[in-house]
């Protein structure tokens, strides 16, 4: 079963262009595999 702590979706700001969908994590190793 899926976990209860799912990440919340953040809507991109209208004035700010996106570079490819989801924001990239920092180089500190905080992102998923």
ModelCIF file with pLDDT and N, C-alpha, C, O atoms, coordinates in Angstrom:
data_MODEL
#
_entry.id   MODEL 
#
_entity.id                         1 
_entity.type                       polymer 
_entity.pdbx_number_of_molecules   1 
#
_entity_poly.entity_id                      1 
_entity_poly.type                           'polypeptide(L)' 
_entity_poly.nstd_linkage                   no 
_entity_poly.nstd_monomer                   no 
_entity_poly.pdbx_seq_one_letter_code       
;(UNK)(UNK)(UNK)(UNK)(UNK)(UNK)(UNK)(UNK)(UNK)(UNK)(UNK)(UNK)(UNK)(UNK)(UNK)(UNK)
(UNK)(UNK)(UNK)(UNK)(UNK)(UNK)(UNK)(UNK)(UNK)(UNK)(UNK)(UNK)(UNK)(UNK)(UNK)(UNK)
(UNK)
;
_entity_poly.pdbx_seq_one_letter_code_can   XXXXXXXXXXXXXXXXXXXXXXXXXXXXXXXXX 
_entity_poly.pdbx_strand_id                 A 
#
loop_
_entity_poly_seq.entity_id 
_entity_poly_seq.num 
_entity_poly_seq.mon_id 
_entity_poly_seq.hetero 
1 1  UNK n 
1 2  UNK n 
1 3  UNK n 
1 4  UNK n 
1 5  UNK n 
1 6  UNK n 
1 7  UNK n 
1 8  UNK n 
1 9  UNK n 
1 10 UNK n 
1 11 UNK n 
1 12 UNK n 
1 13 UNK n 
1 14 UNK n 
1 15 UNK n 
1 16 UNK n 
1 17 UNK n 
1 18 UNK n 
1 19 UNK n 
1 20 UNK n 
1 21 UNK n 
1 22 UNK n 
1 23 UNK n 
1 24 UNK n 
1 25 UNK n 
1 26 UNK n 
1 27 UNK n 
1 28 UNK n 
1 29 UNK n 
1 30 UNK n 
1 31 UNK n 
1 32 UNK n 
1 33 UNK n 
#
_struct_asym.id          A 
_struct_asym.entity_id   1 
#
loop_
_ma_qa_metric.id 
_ma_qa_metric.mode 
_ma_qa_metric.name 
_ma_qa_metric.software_group_id 
_ma_qa_metric.type 
1 global pLDDT . pLDDT 
2 local  pLDDT . pLDDT 
#
_ma_qa_metric_global.metric_id      1 
_ma_qa_metric_global.metric_value   54.42 
_ma_qa_metric_global.model_id       1 
_ma_qa_metric_global.ordinal_id     1 
#
loop_
_ma_qa_metric_local.label_asym_id 
_ma_qa_metric_local.label_comp_id 
_ma_qa_metric_local.label_seq_id 
_ma_qa_metric_local.metric_id 
_ma_qa_metric_local.metric_value 
_ma_qa_metric_local.model_id 
_ma_qa_metric_local.ordinal_id 
A UNK 1  2 84.00 1 1  
A UNK 2  2 75.00 1 2  
A UNK 3  2 67.00 1 3  
A UNK 4  2 59.00 1 4  
A UNK 5  2 52.00 1 5  
A UNK 6  2 44.00 1 6  
A UNK 7  2 48.00 1 7  
A UNK 8  2 50.00 1 8  
A UNK 9  2 48.00 1 9  
A UNK 10 2 51.00 1 10 
A UNK 11 2 48.00 1 11 
A UNK 12 2 49.00 1 12 
A UNK 13 2 49.00 1 13 
A UNK 14 2 49.00 1 14 
A UNK 15 2 48.00 1 15 
A UNK 16 2 47.00 1 16 
A UNK 17 2 48.00 1 17 
A UNK 18 2 49.00 1 18 
A UNK 19 2 51.00 1 19 
A UNK 20 2 51.00 1 20 
A UNK 21 2 50.00 1 21 
A UNK 22 2 50.00 1 22 
A UNK 23 2 51.00 1 23 
A UNK 24 2 49.00 1 24 
A UNK 25 2 47.00 1 25 
A UNK 26 2 48.00 1 26 
A UNK 27 2 48.00 1 27 
A UNK 28 2 50.00 1 28 
A UNK 29 2 52.00 1 29 
A UNK 30 2 58.00 1 30 
A UNK 31 2 67.00 1 31 
A UNK 32 2 79.00 1 32 
A UNK 33 2 80.00 1 33 
#
loop_
_atom_site.group_PDB 
_atom_site.id 
_atom_site.type_symbol 
_atom_site.label_atom_id 
_atom_site.label_alt_id 
_atom_site.label_comp_id 
_atom_site.label_asym_id 
_atom_site.label_entity_id 
_atom_site.label_seq_id 
_atom_site.pdbx_PDB_ins_code 
_atom_site.Cartn_x 
_atom_site.Cartn_y 
_atom_site.Cartn_z 
_atom_site.occupancy 
_atom_site.B_iso_or_equiv 
_atom_site.pdbx_formal_charge 
_atom_site.auth_seq_id 
_atom_site.auth_comp_id 
_atom_site.auth_asym_id 
_atom_site.auth_atom_id 
_atom_site.pdbx_PDB_model_num 
ATOM 1   N N  . UNK A 1 1  ? 0.839  -1.205 0.000   1.00 84.00 ? 1  UNK A N  1 
ATOM 2   C CA . UNK A 1 1  ? 0.000  0.000  0.000   1.00 84.00 ? 1  UNK A CA 1 
ATOM 3   C C  . UNK A 1 1  ? 0.867  1.246  0.000   1.00 84.00 ? 1  UNK A C  1 
ATOM 4   O O  . UNK A 1 1  ? 1.959  1.249  0.569   1.00 84.00 ? 1  UNK A O  1 
ATOM 5   N N  . UNK A 1 2  ? 0.380  2.307  -0.641  1.00 75.00 ? 2  UNK A N  1 
ATOM 6   C CA . UNK A 1 2  ? 1.187  3.531  -0.683  1.00 75.00 ? 2  UNK A CA 1 
ATOM 7   C C  . UNK A 1 2  ? 1.280  4.181  0.683   1.00 75.00 ? 2  UNK A C  1 
ATOM 8   O O  . UNK A 1 2  ? 0.374  4.066  1.509   1.00 75.00 ? 2  UNK A O  1 
ATOM 9   N N  . UNK A 1 3  ? 2.386  4.864  0.904   1.00 67.00 ? 3  UNK A N  1 
ATOM 10  C CA . UNK A 1 3  ? 2.602  5.557  2.169   1.00 67.00 ? 3  UNK A CA 1 
ATOM 11  C C  . UNK A 1 3  ? 1.675  6.747  2.320   1.00 67.00 ? 3  UNK A C  1 
ATOM 12  O O  . UNK A 1 3  ? 1.133  7.254  1.338   1.00 67.00 ? 3  UNK A O  1 
ATOM 13  N N  . UNK A 1 4  ? 1.498  7.183  3.541   1.00 59.00 ? 4  UNK A N  1 
ATOM 14  C CA . UNK A 1 4  ? 0.603  8.300  3.809   1.00 59.00 ? 4  UNK A CA 1 
ATOM 15  C C  . UNK A 1 4  ? 1.290  9.642  3.568   1.00 59.00 ? 4  UNK A C  1 
ATOM 16  O O  . UNK A 1 4  ? 0.610  10.656 3.406   1.00 59.00 ? 4  UNK A O  1 
ATOM 17  N N  . UNK A 1 5  ? 2.606  9.670  3.541   1.00 52.00 ? 5  UNK A N  1 
ATOM 18  C CA . UNK A 1 5  ? 3.335  10.924 3.379   1.00 52.00 ? 5  UNK A CA 1 
ATOM 19  C C  . UNK A 1 5  ? 3.760  11.104 1.937   1.00 52.00 ? 5  UNK A C  1 
ATOM 20  O O  . UNK A 1 5  ? 4.947  11.009 1.624   1.00 52.00 ? 5  UNK A O  1 
ATOM 21  N N  . UNK A 1 6  ? 2.812  11.360 1.058   1.00 44.00 ? 6  UNK A N  1 
ATOM 22  C CA . UNK A 1 6  ? 3.133  11.597 -0.339  1.00 44.00 ? 6  UNK A CA 1 
ATOM 23  C C  . UNK A 1 6  ? 3.563  13.049 -0.524  1.00 44.00 ? 6  UNK A C  1 
ATOM 24  O O  . UNK A 1 6  ? 3.037  13.933 0.152   1.00 44.00 ? 6  UNK A O  1 
ATOM 25  N N  . UNK A 1 7  ? 4.503  13.312 -1.422  1.00 48.00 ? 7  UNK A N  1 
ATOM 26  C CA . UNK A 1 7  ? 4.918  14.694 -1.655  1.00 48.00 ? 7  UNK A CA 1 
ATOM 27  C C  . UNK A 1 7  ? 3.788  15.499 -2.271  1.00 48.00 ? 7  UNK A C  1 
ATOM 28  O O  . UNK A 1 7  ? 3.061  15.004 -3.132  1.00 48.00 ? 7  UNK A O  1 
ATOM 29  N N  . UNK A 1 8  ? 3.642  16.735 -1.832  1.00 50.00 ? 8  UNK A N  1 
ATOM 30  C CA . UNK A 1 8  ? 2.601  17.602 -2.350  1.00 50.00 ? 8  UNK A CA 1 
ATOM 31  C C  . UNK A 1 8  ? 3.075  18.234 -3.646  1.00 50.00 ? 8  UNK A C  1 
ATOM 32  O O  . UNK A 1 8  ? 4.242  18.598 -3.788  1.00 50.00 ? 8  UNK A O  1 
ATOM 33  N N  . UNK A 1 9  ? 2.148  18.358 -4.590  1.00 48.00 ? 9  UNK A N  1 
ATOM 34  C CA . UNK A 1 9  ? 2.479  18.972 -5.874  1.00 48.00 ? 9  UNK A CA 1 
ATOM 35  C C  . UNK A 1 9  ? 2.498  20.480 -5.725  1.00 48.00 ? 9  UNK A C  1 
ATOM 36  O O  . UNK A 1 9  ? 1.585  21.079 -5.157  1.00 48.00 ? 9  UNK A O  1 
ATOM 37  N N  . UNK A 1 10 ? 3.547  21.077 -6.242  1.00 51.00 ? 10 UNK A N  1 
ATOM 38  C CA . UNK A 1 10 ? 3.644  22.530 -6.223  1.00 51.00 ? 10 UNK A CA 1 
ATOM 39  C C  . UNK A 1 10 ? 3.389  23.031 -7.629  1.00 51.00 ? 10 UNK A C  1 
ATOM 40  O O  . UNK A 1 10 ? 4.030  22.588 -8.582  1.00 51.00 ? 10 UNK A O  1 
ATOM 41  N N  . UNK A 1 11 ? 2.463  23.942 -7.753  1.00 48.00 ? 11 UNK A N  1 
ATOM 42  C CA . UNK A 1 11 ? 2.158  24.500 -9.056  1.00 48.00 ? 11 UNK A CA 1 
ATOM 43  C C  . UNK A 1 11 ? 3.260  25.462 -9.456  1.00 48.00 ? 11 UNK A C  1 
ATOM 44  O O  . UNK A 1 11 ? 3.676  26.289 -8.645  1.00 48.00 ? 11 UNK A O  1 
ATOM 45  N N  . UNK A 1 12 ? 3.740  25.373 -10.687 1.00 49.00 ? 12 UNK A N  1 
ATOM 46  C CA . UNK A 1 12 ? 4.762  26.313 -11.116 1.00 49.00 ? 12 UNK A CA 1 
ATOM 47  C C  . UNK A 1 12 ? 4.181  27.712 -11.248 1.00 49.00 ? 12 UNK A C  1 
ATOM 48  O O  . UNK A 1 12 ? 3.006  27.886 -11.570 1.00 49.00 ? 12 UNK A O  1 
ATOM 49  N N  . UNK A 1 13 ? 5.018  28.698 -10.996 1.00 49.00 ? 13 UNK A N  1 
ATOM 50  C CA . UNK A 1 13 ? 4.558  30.077 -11.098 1.00 49.00 ? 13 UNK A CA 1 
ATOM 51  C C  . UNK A 1 13 ? 4.353  30.429 -12.558 1.00 49.00 ? 13 UNK A C  1 
ATOM 52  O O  . UNK A 1 13 ? 5.092  29.979 -13.433 1.00 49.00 ? 13 UNK A O  1 
ATOM 53  N N  . UNK A 1 14 ? 3.327  31.248 -12.805 1.00 49.00 ? 14 UNK A N  1 
ATOM 54  C CA . UNK A 1 14 ? 2.977  31.587 -14.178 1.00 49.00 ? 14 UNK A CA 1 
ATOM 55  C C  . UNK A 1 14 ? 4.070  32.398 -14.860 1.00 49.00 ? 14 UNK A C  1 
ATOM 56  O O  . UNK A 1 14 ? 4.295  32.219 -16.057 1.00 49.00 ? 14 UNK A O  1 
ATOM 57  N N  . UNK A 1 15 ? 4.756  33.280 -14.144 1.00 48.00 ? 15 UNK A N  1 
ATOM 58  C CA . UNK A 1 15 ? 5.749  34.144 -14.752 1.00 48.00 ? 15 UNK A CA 1 
ATOM 59  C C  . UNK A 1 15 ? 7.111  33.500 -14.908 1.00 48.00 ? 15 UNK A C  1 
ATOM 60  O O  . UNK A 1 15 ? 7.982  34.054 -15.578 1.00 48.00 ? 15 UNK A O  1 
ATOM 61  N N  . UNK A 1 16 ? 7.311  32.335 -14.300 1.00 47.00 ? 16 UNK A N  1 
ATOM 62  C CA . UNK A 1 16 ? 8.623  31.705 -14.289 1.00 47.00 ? 16 UNK A CA 1 
ATOM 63  C C  . UNK A 1 16 ? 8.605  30.494 -15.220 1.00 47.00 ? 16 UNK A C  1 
ATOM 64  O O  . UNK A 1 16 ? 7.813  29.577 -15.000 1.00 47.00 ? 16 UNK A O  1 
ATOM 65  N N  . UNK A 1 17 ? 9.446  30.458 -16.248 1.00 48.00 ? 17 UNK A N  1 
ATOM 66  C CA . UNK A 1 17 ? 9.433  29.303 -17.149 1.00 48.00 ? 17 UNK A CA 1 
ATOM 67  C C  . UNK A 1 17 ? 10.026 28.081 -16.461 1.00 48.00 ? 17 UNK A C  1 
ATOM 68  O O  . UNK A 1 17 ? 10.949 28.193 -15.654 1.00 48.00 ? 17 UNK A O  1 
ATOM 69  N N  . UNK A 1 18 ? 9.489  26.929 -16.788 1.00 49.00 ? 18 UNK A N  1 
ATOM 70  C CA . UNK A 1 18 ? 10.021 25.686 -16.224 1.00 49.00 ? 18 UNK A CA 1 
ATOM 71  C C  . UNK A 1 18 ? 11.022 25.102 -17.195 1.00 49.00 ? 18 UNK A C  1 
ATOM 72  O O  . UNK A 1 18 ? 10.988 25.397 -18.390 1.00 49.00 ? 18 UNK A O  1 
ATOM 73  N N  . UNK A 1 19 ? 11.921 24.266 -16.675 1.00 51.00 ? 19 UNK A N  1 
ATOM 74  C CA . UNK A 1 19 ? 12.979 23.708 -17.507 1.00 51.00 ? 19 UNK A CA 1 
ATOM 75  C C  . UNK A 1 19 ? 12.782 22.242 -17.805 1.00 51.00 ? 19 UNK A C  1 
ATOM 76  O O  . UNK A 1 19 ? 13.674 21.610 -18.371 1.00 51.00 ? 19 UNK A O  1 
ATOM 77  N N  . UNK A 1 20 ? 11.651 21.681 -17.446 1.00 51.00 ? 20 UNK A N  1 
ATOM 78  C CA . UNK A 1 20 ? 11.472 20.267 -17.758 1.00 51.00 ? 20 UNK A CA 1 
ATOM 79  C C  . UNK A 1 20 ? 10.657 19.546 -16.723 1.00 51.00 ? 20 UNK A C  1 
ATOM 80  O O  . UNK A 1 20 ? 10.924 18.371 -16.469 1.00 51.00 ? 20 UNK A O  1 
ATOM 81  N N  . UNK A 1 21 ? 9.695  20.163 -16.117 1.00 50.00 ? 21 UNK A N  1 
ATOM 82  C CA . UNK A 1 21 ? 8.833  19.473 -15.176 1.00 50.00 ? 21 UNK A CA 1 
ATOM 83  C C  . UNK A 1 21 ? 9.243  19.715 -13.753 1.00 50.00 ? 21 UNK A C  1 
ATOM 84  O O  . UNK A 1 21 ? 9.280  20.853 -13.285 1.00 50.00 ? 21 UNK A O  1 
ATOM 85  N N  . UNK A 1 22 ? 9.558  18.620 -13.052 1.00 50.00 ? 22 UNK A N  1 
ATOM 86  C CA . UNK A 1 22 ? 9.830  18.699 -11.619 1.00 50.00 ? 22 UNK A CA 1 
ATOM 87  C C  . UNK A 1 22 ? 11.170 19.371 -11.353 1.00 50.00 ? 22 UNK A C  1 
ATOM 88  O O  . UNK A 1 22 ? 12.103 19.232 -12.144 1.00 50.00 ? 22 UNK A O  1 
ATOM 89  N N  . UNK A 1 23 ? 11.270 20.098 -10.242 1.00 51.00 ? 23 UNK A N  1 
ATOM 90  C CA . UNK A 1 23 ? 12.551 20.712 -9.904  1.00 51.00 ? 23 UNK A CA 1 
ATOM 91  C C  . UNK A 1 23 ? 13.579 19.649 -9.572  1.00 51.00 ? 23 UNK A C  1 
ATOM 92  O O  . UNK A 1 23 ? 13.253 18.612 -8.995  1.00 51.00 ? 23 UNK A O  1 
ATOM 93  N N  . UNK A 1 24 ? 14.804 19.911 -9.936  1.00 49.00 ? 24 UNK A N  1 
ATOM 94  C CA . UNK A 1 24 ? 15.884 18.958 -9.680  1.00 49.00 ? 24 UNK A CA 1 
ATOM 95  C C  . UNK A 1 24 ? 16.391 19.107 -8.264  1.00 49.00 ? 24 UNK A C  1 
ATOM 96  O O  . UNK A 1 24 ? 16.468 20.225 -7.754  1.00 49.00 ? 24 UNK A O  1 
ATOM 97  N N  . UNK A 1 25 ? 16.741 17.997 -7.608  1.00 47.00 ? 25 UNK A N  1 
ATOM 98  C CA . UNK A 1 25 ? 17.284 18.100 -6.259  1.00 47.00 ? 25 UNK A CA 1 
ATOM 99  C C  . UNK A 1 25 ? 18.693 18.654 -6.290  1.00 47.00 ? 25 UNK A C  1 
ATOM 100 O O  . UNK A 1 25 ? 19.342 18.676 -7.335  1.00 47.00 ? 25 UNK A O  1 
ATOM 101 N N  . UNK A 1 26 ? 19.159 19.099 -5.140  1.00 48.00 ? 26 UNK A N  1 
ATOM 102 C CA . UNK A 1 26 ? 20.515 19.627 -5.037  1.00 48.00 ? 26 UNK A CA 1 
ATOM 103 C C  . UNK A 1 26 ? 21.510 18.482 -5.135  1.00 48.00 ? 26 UNK A C  1 
ATOM 104 O O  . UNK A 1 26 ? 21.126 17.313 -5.092  1.00 48.00 ? 26 UNK A O  1 
ATOM 105 N N  . UNK A 1 27 ? 22.771 18.814 -5.265  1.00 48.00 ? 27 UNK A N  1 
ATOM 106 C CA . UNK A 1 27 ? 23.801 17.802 -5.411  1.00 48.00 ? 27 UNK A CA 1 
ATOM 107 C C  . UNK A 1 27 ? 24.108 17.090 -4.107  1.00 48.00 ? 27 UNK A C  1 
ATOM 108 O O  . UNK A 1 27 ? 24.974 16.216 -4.083  1.00 48.00 ? 27 UNK A O  1 
ATOM 109 N N  . UNK A 1 28 ? 23.427 17.433 -3.022  1.00 50.00 ? 28 UNK A N  1 
ATOM 110 C CA . UNK A 1 28 ? 23.711 16.843 -1.721  1.00 50.00 ? 28 UNK A CA 1 
ATOM 111 C C  . UNK A 1 28 ? 23.231 15.416 -1.574  1.00 50.00 ? 28 UNK A C  1 
ATOM 112 O O  . UNK A 1 28 ? 23.410 14.823 -0.510  1.00 50.00 ? 28 UNK A O  1 
ATOM 113 N N  . UNK A 1 29 ? 22.624 14.840 -2.609  1.00 52.00 ? 29 UNK A N  1 
ATOM 114 C CA . UNK A 1 29 ? 22.155 13.470 -2.523  1.00 52.00 ? 29 UNK A CA 1 
ATOM 115 C C  . UNK A 1 29 ? 20.780 13.359 -1.901  1.00 52.00 ? 29 UNK A C  1 
ATOM 116 O O  . UNK A 1 29 ? 20.427 12.297 -1.389  1.00 52.00 ? 29 UNK A O  1 
ATOM 117 N N  . UNK A 1 30 ? 19.995 14.417 -1.928  1.00 58.00 ? 30 UNK A N  1 
ATOM 118 C CA . UNK A 1 30 ? 18.681 14.381 -1.307  1.00 58.00 ? 30 UNK A CA 1 
ATOM 119 C C  . UNK A 1 30 ? 17.622 13.782 -2.211  1.00 58.00 ? 30 UNK A C  1 
ATOM 120 O O  . UNK A 1 30 ? 16.549 13.428 -1.721  1.00 58.00 ? 30 UNK A O  1 
ATOM 121 N N  . UNK A 1 31 ? 17.871 13.650 -3.517  1.00 67.00 ? 31 UNK A N  1 
ATOM 122 C CA . UNK A 1 31 ? 16.866 13.189 -4.459  1.00 67.00 ? 31 UNK A CA 1 
ATOM 123 C C  . UNK A 1 31 ? 16.745 11.679 -4.472  1.00 67.00 ? 31 UNK A C  1 
ATOM 124 O O  . UNK A 1 31 ? 17.523 10.967 -3.836  1.00 67.00 ? 31 UNK A O  1 
ATOM 125 N N  . UNK A 1 32 ? 15.761 11.209 -5.205  1.00 79.00 ? 32 UNK A N  1 
ATOM 126 C CA . UNK A 1 32 ? 15.587 9.779  -5.344  1.00 79.00 ? 32 UNK A CA 1 
ATOM 127 C C  . UNK A 1 32 ? 16.634 9.226  -6.313  1.00 79.00 ? 32 UNK A C  1 
ATOM 128 O O  . UNK A 1 32 ? 17.368 9.984  -6.947  1.00 79.00 ? 32 UNK A O  1 
ATOM 129 N N  . UNK A 1 33 ? 16.692 7.938  -6.415  1.00 80.00 ? 33 UNK A N  1 
ATOM 130 C CA . UNK A 1 33 ? 17.646 7.286  -7.298  1.00 80.00 ? 33 UNK A CA 1 
ATOM 131 C C  . UNK A 1 33 ? 17.418 7.722  -8.742  1.00 80.00 ? 33 UNK A C  1 
ATOM 132 O O  . UNK A 1 33 ? 18.131 7.276  -9.642  1.00 80.00 ? 33 UNK A O  1 
#
